[in-house]
Amino acid sequence: MAEFDEHRKRLTVKLVYYGPAMSGKTTNLTRLHDLLSADLIGEMMTLETEGDRTLFFDLLPVGFKAPSGLLVKFKLFTVPGQVAHDGTRKAVLSRADGVIFVADSQRSQAVNNGASFENLIANANTLGIDLATLPLIVQFNKRDLPDILSEQEIHERWAKAPWPLFFASALEGGGVLDSFTALLARVHDRLDHRFSLESVHGLSRAAFVAVAGEGP
């Protein structure tokens, strides 16, 4: 849930990359860190856990203020993929304003993808997060590898799901920004309903999403 500091006129937005181990969550964030303009990015930090890691960085657009003076700050996190760290996954997911679920496109990982998404559903329910209203993007990563599910197969398998699908190769950078900007658009719409971002603060969806503009 976004944190609004009325005294400082600051809105802090929490975005989480969720998915099975080795699906490319961390690679998404490190690639995103590379793709965004250098003056928009805070320091990356890694919290080590045994056999896995949780990585996050602050994304603070310098001078990104609404006409009202509202400063918007983003915090991006990945969850550890290992089953043993489910408690950490819950903690990271807690109070999230948006989620990108990073699935592995390899055929051999279909079961792991399904189990991880079921885990997301279970943890969201435990935390009182409604996935029907939470901004959520599903990204199928590792499109650069052999023996992957085709886009048609993935669309057929997810035909009944309400969440938009994206395809990416985080290692090469393709699809990383597309997934991120799509999530930002959905997050803006939800926060606009709560905080009147556009009518009160003059912060349009376009301005909110523009934070993801590519760097040089």
C-alpha atoms as a PDB file:
ATOM      1  CA  MET A   1       0.000   0.000   0.000  1.00  0.00           C
ATOM      2  CA  ALA A   2       1.440   3.359  -1.011  1.00  0.00           C
ATOM      3  CA  GLU A   3       2.749   5.491   1.839  1.00  0.00           C
ATOM      4  CA  PHE A   4       1.650   9.108   1.727  1.00  0.00           C
ATOM      5  CA  ASP A   5       3.558  11.550   3.914  1.00  0.00           C
ATOM      6  CA  GLU A   6       1.344  14.604   3.927  1.00  0.00           C
ATOM      7  CA  HIS A   7       3.834  16.685   5.897  1.00  0.00           C
ATOM      8  CA  ARG A   8       6.679  16.070   3.423  1.00  0.00           C
ATOM      9  CA  LYS A   9       4.307  15.804   0.463  1.00  0.00           C
ATOM     10  CA  ARG A  10       5.855  12.494  -0.560  1.00  0.00           C
ATOM     11  CA  LEU A  11       4.223   9.401  -2.044  1.00  0.00           C
ATOM     12  CA  THR A  12       6.254   6.178  -1.827  1.00  0.00           C
ATOM     13  CA  VAL A  13       5.187   3.368  -4.158  1.00  0.00           C
ATOM     14  CA  LYS A  14       6.242  -0.260  -3.626  1.00  0.00           C
ATOM     15  CA  LEU A  15       6.615  -2.548  -6.654  1.00  0.00           C
ATOM     16  CA  VAL A  16       7.522  -6.236  -6.371  1.00  0.00           C
ATOM     17  CA  TYR A  17       9.000  -8.732  -8.839  1.00  0.00           C
ATOM     18  CA  TYR A  18       7.663 -12.182  -7.930  1.00  0.00           C
ATOM     19  CA  GLY A  19       8.306 -15.611  -9.449  1.00  0.00           C
ATOM     20  CA  PRO A  20      10.122 -18.930  -9.175  1.00  0.00           C
ATOM     21  CA  ALA A  21      13.822 -19.273  -8.461  1.00  0.00           C
ATOM     22  CA  MET A  22      16.104 -18.426 -11.385  1.00  0.00           C
ATOM     23  CA  SER A  23      13.293 -17.015 -13.539  1.00  0.00           C
ATOM     24  CA  GLY A  24      15.126 -13.720 -14.010  1.00  0.00           C
ATOM     25  CA  LYS A  25      13.653 -11.433 -11.357  1.00  0.00           C
ATOM     26  CA  THR A  26      17.013 -10.046 -10.288  1.00  0.00           C
ATOM     27  CA  THR A  27      18.153  -9.791 -13.915  1.00  0.00           C
ATOM     28  CA  ASN A  28      15.029  -7.725 -14.655  1.00  0.00           C
ATOM     29  CA  LEU A  29      15.928  -5.236 -11.954  1.00  0.00           C
ATOM     30  CA  THR A  30      19.610  -5.019 -12.808  1.00  0.00           C
ATOM     31  CA  ARG A  31      18.755  -4.549 -16.488  1.00  0.00           C
ATOM     32  CA  LEU A  32      16.147  -1.941 -15.611  1.00  0.00           C
ATOM     33  CA  HIS A  33      18.770  -0.184 -13.530  1.00  0.00           C
ATOM     34  CA  ASP A  34      20.992  -0.072 -16.634  1.00  0.00           C
ATOM     35  CA  LEU A  35      18.261   1.092 -18.999  1.00  0.00           C
ATOM     36  CA  LEU A  36      16.948   4.009 -16.985  1.00  0.00           C
ATOM     37  CA  SER A  37      18.651   7.376 -17.003  1.00  0.00           C
ATOM     38  CA  ALA A  38      21.441   7.484 -14.436  1.00  0.00           C
ATOM     39  CA  ASP A  39      20.064  10.525 -12.597  1.00  0.00           C
ATOM     40  CA  LEU A  40      16.812   8.694 -11.871  1.00  0.00           C
ATOM     41  CA  ILE A  41      18.262   5.779  -9.950  1.00  0.00           C
ATOM     42  CA  GLY A  42      19.224   5.299  -6.329  1.00  0.00           C
ATOM     43  CA  GLU A  43      21.742   2.780  -5.067  1.00  0.00           C
ATOM     44  CA  MET A  44      21.014  -0.910  -5.521  1.00  0.00           C
ATOM     45  CA  MET A  45      21.089  -2.995  -2.372  1.00  0.00           C
ATOM     46  CA  THR A  46      21.061  -6.744  -1.802  1.00  0.00           C
ATOM     47  CA  LEU A  47      19.800  -8.472   1.321  1.00  0.00           C
ATOM     48  CA  GLU A  48      21.441 -11.885   1.422  1.00  0.00           C
ATOM     49  CA  THR A  49      19.597 -15.007   2.542  1.00  0.00           C
ATOM     50  CA  GLU A  50      21.112 -18.468   2.642  1.00  0.00           C
ATOM     51  CA  GLY A  51      21.210 -19.791  -0.917  1.00  0.00           C
ATOM     52  CA  ASP A  52      19.188 -16.893  -2.341  1.00  0.00           C
ATOM     53  CA  ARG A  53      18.915 -13.151  -2.220  1.00  0.00           C
ATOM     54  CA  THR A  54      16.420 -10.340  -2.158  1.00  0.00           C
ATOM     55  CA  LEU A  55      17.447  -7.369  -4.241  1.00  0.00           C
ATOM     56  CA  PHE A  56      15.958  -3.934  -4.274  1.00  0.00           C
ATOM     57  CA  PHE A  57      16.760  -0.422  -5.263  1.00  0.00           C
ATOM     58  CA  ASP A  58      15.120   2.945  -4.803  1.00  0.00           C
ATOM     59  CA  LEU A  59      14.059   4.697  -7.966  1.00  0.00           C
ATOM     60  CA  LEU A  60      13.764   8.384  -7.171  1.00  0.00           C
ATOM     61  CA  PRO A  61      13.210  10.639 -10.192  1.00  0.00           C
ATOM     62  CA  VAL A  62      15.112  13.797  -9.410  1.00  0.00           C
ATOM     63  CA  GLY A  63      12.659  16.654  -9.674  1.00  0.00           C
ATOM     64  CA  PHE A  64       9.747  14.312 -10.377  1.00  0.00           C
ATOM     65  CA  LYS A  65       7.121  16.393  -8.706  1.00  0.00           C
ATOM     66  CA  ALA A  66       3.499  16.972  -9.518  1.00  0.00           C
ATOM     67  CA  PRO A  67       2.366  20.579  -9.986  1.00  0.00           C
ATOM     68  CA  SER A  68       1.102  20.434  -6.416  1.00  0.00           C
ATOM     69  CA  GLY A  69       4.635  19.706  -5.176  1.00  0.00           C
ATOM     70  CA  LEU A  70       3.976  16.025  -4.496  1.00  0.00           C
ATOM     71  CA  LEU A  71       7.177  14.001  -4.766  1.00  0.00           C
ATOM     72  CA  VAL A  72       6.798  10.426  -6.004  1.00  0.00           C
ATOM     73  CA  LYS A  73       9.355   7.828  -4.972  1.00  0.00           C
ATOM     74  CA  PHE A  74       9.457   4.219  -6.139  1.00  0.00           C
ATOM     75  CA  LYS A  75      10.879   1.241  -4.257  1.00  0.00           C
ATOM     76  CA  LEU A  76      11.436  -1.888  -6.341  1.00  0.00           C
ATOM     77  CA  PHE A  77      11.987  -5.308  -4.806  1.00  0.00           C
ATOM     78  CA  THR A  78      12.487  -8.896  -5.875  1.00  0.00           C
ATOM     79  CA  VAL A  79      11.375 -11.808  -3.737  1.00  0.00           C
ATOM     80  CA  PRO A  80      13.637 -14.810  -3.086  1.00  0.00           C
ATOM     81  CA  GLY A  81      12.544 -17.703  -5.264  1.00  0.00           C
ATOM     82  CA  GLN A  82      13.552 -20.586  -3.004  1.00  0.00           C
ATOM     83  CA  VAL A  83      10.683 -22.384  -1.272  1.00  0.00           C
ATOM     84  CA  ALA A  84      12.555 -22.198   2.032  1.00  0.00           C
ATOM     85  CA  HIS A  85      12.218 -18.423   2.069  1.00  0.00           C
ATOM     86  CA  ASP A  86       8.450 -18.154   1.923  1.00  0.00           C
ATOM     87  CA  GLY A  87       8.397 -16.005   5.047  1.00  0.00           C
ATOM     88  CA  THR A  88      10.662 -13.501   3.301  1.00  0.00           C
ATOM     89  CA  ARG A  89       8.422 -13.570   0.222  1.00  0.00           C
ATOM     90  CA  LYS A  90       5.436 -12.671   2.375  1.00  0.00           C
ATOM     91  CA  ALA A  91       7.345  -9.823   4.006  1.00  0.00           C
ATOM     92  CA  VAL A  92       8.450  -8.400   0.659  1.00  0.00           C
ATOM     93  CA  LEU A  93       4.977  -8.768  -0.885  1.00  0.00           C
ATOM     94  CA  SER A  94       3.304  -7.064   2.058  1.00  0.00           C
ATOM     95  CA  ARG A  95       1.823  -3.645   1.186  1.00  0.00           C
ATOM     96  CA  ALA A  96       2.823  -3.933  -2.476  1.00  0.00           C
ATOM     97  CA  ASP A  97       1.209  -1.463  -4.874  1.00  0.00           C
ATOM     98  CA  GLY A  98       1.952  -3.546  -7.949  1.00  0.00           C
ATOM     99  CA  VAL A  99       3.515  -6.868  -8.945  1.00  0.00           C
ATOM    100  CA  ILE A 100       5.325  -8.207 -11.993  1.00  0.00           C
ATOM    101  CA  PHE A 101       5.222 -11.991 -11.974  1.00  0.00           C
ATOM    102  CA  VAL A 102       8.328 -13.219 -13.810  1.00  0.00           C
ATOM    103  CA  ALA A 103       7.793 -16.659 -15.319  1.00  0.00           C
ATOM    104  CA  ASP A 104      10.422 -18.821 -16.992  1.00  0.00           C
ATOM    105  CA  SER A 105       9.603 -19.500 -20.673  1.00  0.00           C
ATOM    106  CA  GLN A 106      11.440 -22.829 -20.750  1.00  0.00           C
ATOM    107  CA  ARG A 107       9.152 -25.822 -21.185  1.00  0.00           C
ATOM    108  CA  SER A 108      10.887 -27.600 -18.318  1.00  0.00           C
ATOM    109  CA  GLN A 109       9.837 -24.815 -15.926  1.00  0.00           C
ATOM    110  CA  ALA A 110       6.075 -24.866 -16.514  1.00  0.00           C
ATOM    111  CA  VAL A 111       5.375 -26.716 -13.242  1.00  0.00           C
ATOM    112  CA  ASN A 112       7.609 -24.355 -11.256  1.00  0.00           C
ATOM    113  CA  ASN A 113       5.856 -21.352 -12.804  1.00  0.00           C
ATOM    114  CA  GLY A 114       2.470 -22.725 -11.792  1.00  0.00           C
ATOM    115  CA  ALA A 115       3.597 -23.528  -8.262  1.00  0.00           C
ATOM    116  CA  SER A 116       5.077 -20.065  -7.815  1.00  0.00           C
ATOM    117  CA  PHE A 117       1.929 -18.341  -9.058  1.00  0.00           C
ATOM    118  CA  GLU A 118      -0.153 -20.452  -6.683  1.00  0.00           C
ATOM    119  CA  ASN A 119       2.228 -19.351  -3.946  1.00  0.00           C
ATOM    120  CA  LEU A 120       1.650 -15.725  -4.936  1.00  0.00           C
ATOM    121  CA  ILE A 121      -2.097 -16.250  -4.677  1.00  0.00           C
ATOM    122  CA  ALA A 122      -1.774 -17.953  -1.283  1.00  0.00           C
ATOM    123  CA  ASN A 123       0.517 -15.288   0.157  1.00  0.00           C
ATOM    124  CA  ALA A 124      -1.649 -12.491  -1.197  1.00  0.00           C
ATOM    125  CA  ASN A 125      -4.676 -14.045   0.478  1.00  0.00           C
ATOM    126  CA  THR A 126      -2.771 -14.351   3.756  1.00  0.00           C
ATOM    127  CA  LEU A 127      -1.763 -10.700   3.572  1.00  0.00           C
ATOM    128  CA  GLY A 128      -5.229  -9.504   2.611  1.00  0.00           C
ATOM    129  CA  ILE A 129      -4.147  -8.449  -0.890  1.00  0.00           C
ATOM    130  CA  ASP A 130      -6.877  -8.737  -3.514  1.00  0.00           C
ATOM    131  CA  LEU A 131      -5.293  -9.891  -6.781  1.00  0.00           C
ATOM    132  CA  ALA A 132      -8.498  -8.929  -8.565  1.00  0.00           C
ATOM    133  CA  THR A 133      -7.701  -5.263  -7.948  1.00  0.00           C
ATOM    134  CA  LEU A 134      -3.920  -5.273  -7.422  1.00  0.00           C
ATOM    135  CA  PRO A 135      -2.037  -4.068 -10.535  1.00  0.00           C
ATOM    136  CA  LEU A 136      -0.391  -7.242 -11.838  1.00  0.00           C
ATOM    137  CA  ILE A 137       1.631  -7.986 -14.968  1.00  0.00           C
ATOM    138  CA  VAL A 138       2.754 -11.461 -16.067  1.00  0.00           C
ATOM    139  CA  GLN A 139       6.082 -11.491 -17.870  1.00  0.00           C
ATOM    140  CA  PHE A 140       7.432 -14.609 -19.592  1.00  0.00           C
ATOM    141  CA  ASN A 141      11.175 -14.178 -19.486  1.00  0.00           C
ATOM    142  CA  LYS A 142      14.124 -15.969 -21.141  1.00  0.00           C
ATOM    143  CA  ARG A 143      12.744 -15.702 -24.671  1.00  0.00           C
ATOM    144  CA  ASP A 144      16.336 -15.905 -25.906  1.00  0.00           C
ATOM    145  CA  LEU A 145      16.715 -19.542 -24.804  1.00  0.00           C
ATOM    146  CA  PRO A 146      15.990 -22.720 -26.815  1.00  0.00           C
ATOM    147  CA  ASP A 147      13.097 -25.086 -26.059  1.00  0.00           C
ATOM    148  CA  ILE A 148      10.708 -22.433 -24.817  1.00  0.00           C
ATOM    149  CA  LEU A 149       6.934 -22.281 -24.989  1.00  0.00           C
ATOM    150  CA  SER A 150       5.723 -20.332 -28.003  1.00  0.00           C
ATOM    151  CA  GLU A 151       3.800 -17.110 -27.493  1.00  0.00           C
ATOM    152  CA  GLN A 152       0.717 -18.829 -28.905  1.00  0.00           C
ATOM    153  CA  GLU A 153       0.993 -21.662 -26.383  1.00  0.00           C
ATOM    154  CA  ILE A 154       1.377 -19.208 -23.526  1.00  0.00           C
ATOM    155  CA  HIS A 155      -1.583 -17.107 -24.663  1.00  0.00           C
ATOM    156  CA  GLU A 156      -3.704 -20.259 -24.899  1.00  0.00           C
ATOM    157  CA  ARG A 157      -2.707 -21.417 -21.408  1.00  0.00           C
ATOM    158  CA  TRP A 158      -3.421 -17.982 -19.917  1.00  0.00           C
ATOM    159  CA  ALA A 159      -6.476 -17.194 -22.024  1.00  0.00           C
ATOM    160  CA  LYS A 160      -8.804 -17.075 -19.019  1.00  0.00           C
ATOM    161  CA  ALA A 161      -6.453 -15.008 -16.864  1.00  0.00           C
ATOM    162  CA  PRO A 162      -7.305 -11.294 -16.511  1.00  0.00           C
ATOM    163  CA  TRP A 163      -3.689 -10.132 -16.349  1.00  0.00           C
ATOM    164  CA  PRO A 164      -1.763  -8.817 -19.374  1.00  0.00           C
ATOM    165  CA  LEU A 165       1.076 -10.949 -20.727  1.00  0.00           C
ATOM    166  CA  PHE A 166       4.495  -9.673 -21.734  1.00  0.00           C
ATOM    167  CA  PHE A 167       7.496 -11.431 -23.232  1.00  0.00           C
ATOM    168  CA  ALA A 168      11.055 -10.564 -22.351  1.00  0.00           C
ATOM    169  CA  SER A 169      14.701 -11.424 -22.436  1.00  0.00           C
ATOM    170  CA  ALA A 170      15.951  -9.675 -19.329  1.00  0.00           C
ATOM    171  CA  LEU A 171      19.500 -10.753 -20.091  1.00  0.00           C
ATOM    172  CA  GLU A 172      19.392  -8.846 -23.379  1.00  0.00           C
ATOM    173  CA  GLY A 173      17.030  -6.127 -22.134  1.00  0.00           C
ATOM    174  CA  GLY A 174      14.058  -6.813 -24.424  1.00  0.00           C
ATOM    175  CA  GLY A 175      10.644  -6.431 -22.813  1.00  0.00           C
ATOM    176  CA  VAL A 176      11.983  -5.187 -19.496  1.00  0.00           C
ATOM    177  CA  LEU A 177      10.872  -1.577 -19.928  1.00  0.00           C
ATOM    178  CA  ASP A 178       7.616  -2.608 -21.615  1.00  0.00           C
ATOM    179  CA  SER A 179       6.643  -4.698 -18.598  1.00  0.00           C
ATOM    180  CA  PHE A 180       7.622  -1.961 -16.181  1.00  0.00           C
ATOM    181  CA  THR A 181       5.780   0.855 -17.953  1.00  0.00           C
ATOM    182  CA  ALA A 182       2.654  -1.293 -18.273  1.00  0.00           C
ATOM    183  CA  LEU A 183       2.717  -1.873 -14.527  1.00  0.00           C
ATOM    184  CA  LEU A 184       3.250   1.838 -13.842  1.00  0.00           C
ATOM    185  CA  ALA A 185       0.172   2.707 -15.910  1.00  0.00           C
ATOM    186  CA  ARG A 186      -1.973   0.321 -13.895  1.00  0.00           C
ATOM    187  CA  VAL A 187      -0.513   1.503 -10.600  1.00  0.00           C
ATOM    188  CA  HIS A 188      -1.239   5.120 -11.528  1.00  0.00           C
ATOM    189  CA  ASP A 189      -4.882   4.330 -12.207  1.00  0.00           C
ATOM    190  CA  ARG A 190      -5.280   2.640  -8.841  1.00  0.00           C
ATOM    191  CA  LEU A 191      -3.474   5.364  -6.907  1.00  0.00           C
ATOM    192  CA  ASP A 192      -5.349   8.070  -8.798  1.00  0.00           C
ATOM    193  CA  HIS A 193      -8.571   6.615  -7.446  1.00  0.00           C
ATOM    194  CA  ARG A 194      -7.215   6.816  -3.894  1.00  0.00           C
ATOM    195  CA  PHE A 195      -5.118   9.984  -3.909  1.00  0.00           C
ATOM    196  CA  SER A 196      -6.647  11.935  -6.825  1.00  0.00           C
ATOM    197  CA  LEU A 197      -3.242  12.134  -8.479  1.00  0.00           C
ATOM    198  CA  GLU A 198      -4.480  13.886 -11.601  1.00  0.00           C
ATOM    199  CA  SER A 199      -7.240  16.153 -10.343  1.00  0.00           C
ATOM    200  CA  VAL A 200      -5.581  17.261  -7.095  1.00  0.00           C
ATOM    201  CA  HIS A 201      -1.859  16.845  -7.774  1.00  0.00           C
ATOM    202  CA  GLY A 202      -1.869  17.347 -11.541  1.00  0.00           C
ATOM    203  CA  LEU A 203      -0.029  14.048 -12.057  1.00  0.00           C
ATOM    204  CA  SER A 204      -1.289  12.432 -15.253  1.00  0.00           C
ATOM    205  CA  ARG A 205      -0.777   8.821 -16.206  1.00  0.00           C
ATOM    206  CA  ALA A 206       1.651   9.911 -18.943  1.00  0.00           C
ATOM    207  CA  ALA A 207       3.812  11.821 -16.464  1.00  0.00           C
ATOM    208  CA  PHE A 208       3.726   8.938 -13.998  1.00  0.00           C
ATOM    209  CA  VAL A 209       4.816   6.436 -16.647  1.00  0.00           C
ATOM    210  CA  ALA A 210       7.441   8.779 -18.126  1.00  0.00           C
ATOM    211  CA  VAL A 211       9.747   7.877 -15.239  1.00  0.00           C
ATOM    212  CA  ALA A 212      10.582   4.748 -17.255  1.00  0.00           C
ATOM    213  CA  GLY A 213      11.872   6.700 -20.240  1.00  0.00           C
ATOM    214  CA  GLU A 214      15.020   5.103 -21.616  1.00  0.00           C
ATOM    215  CA  GLY A 215      18.357   6.534 -20.695  1.00  0.00           C
ATOM    216  CA  PRO A 216      20.983   7.566 -23.240  1.00  0.00           C
END
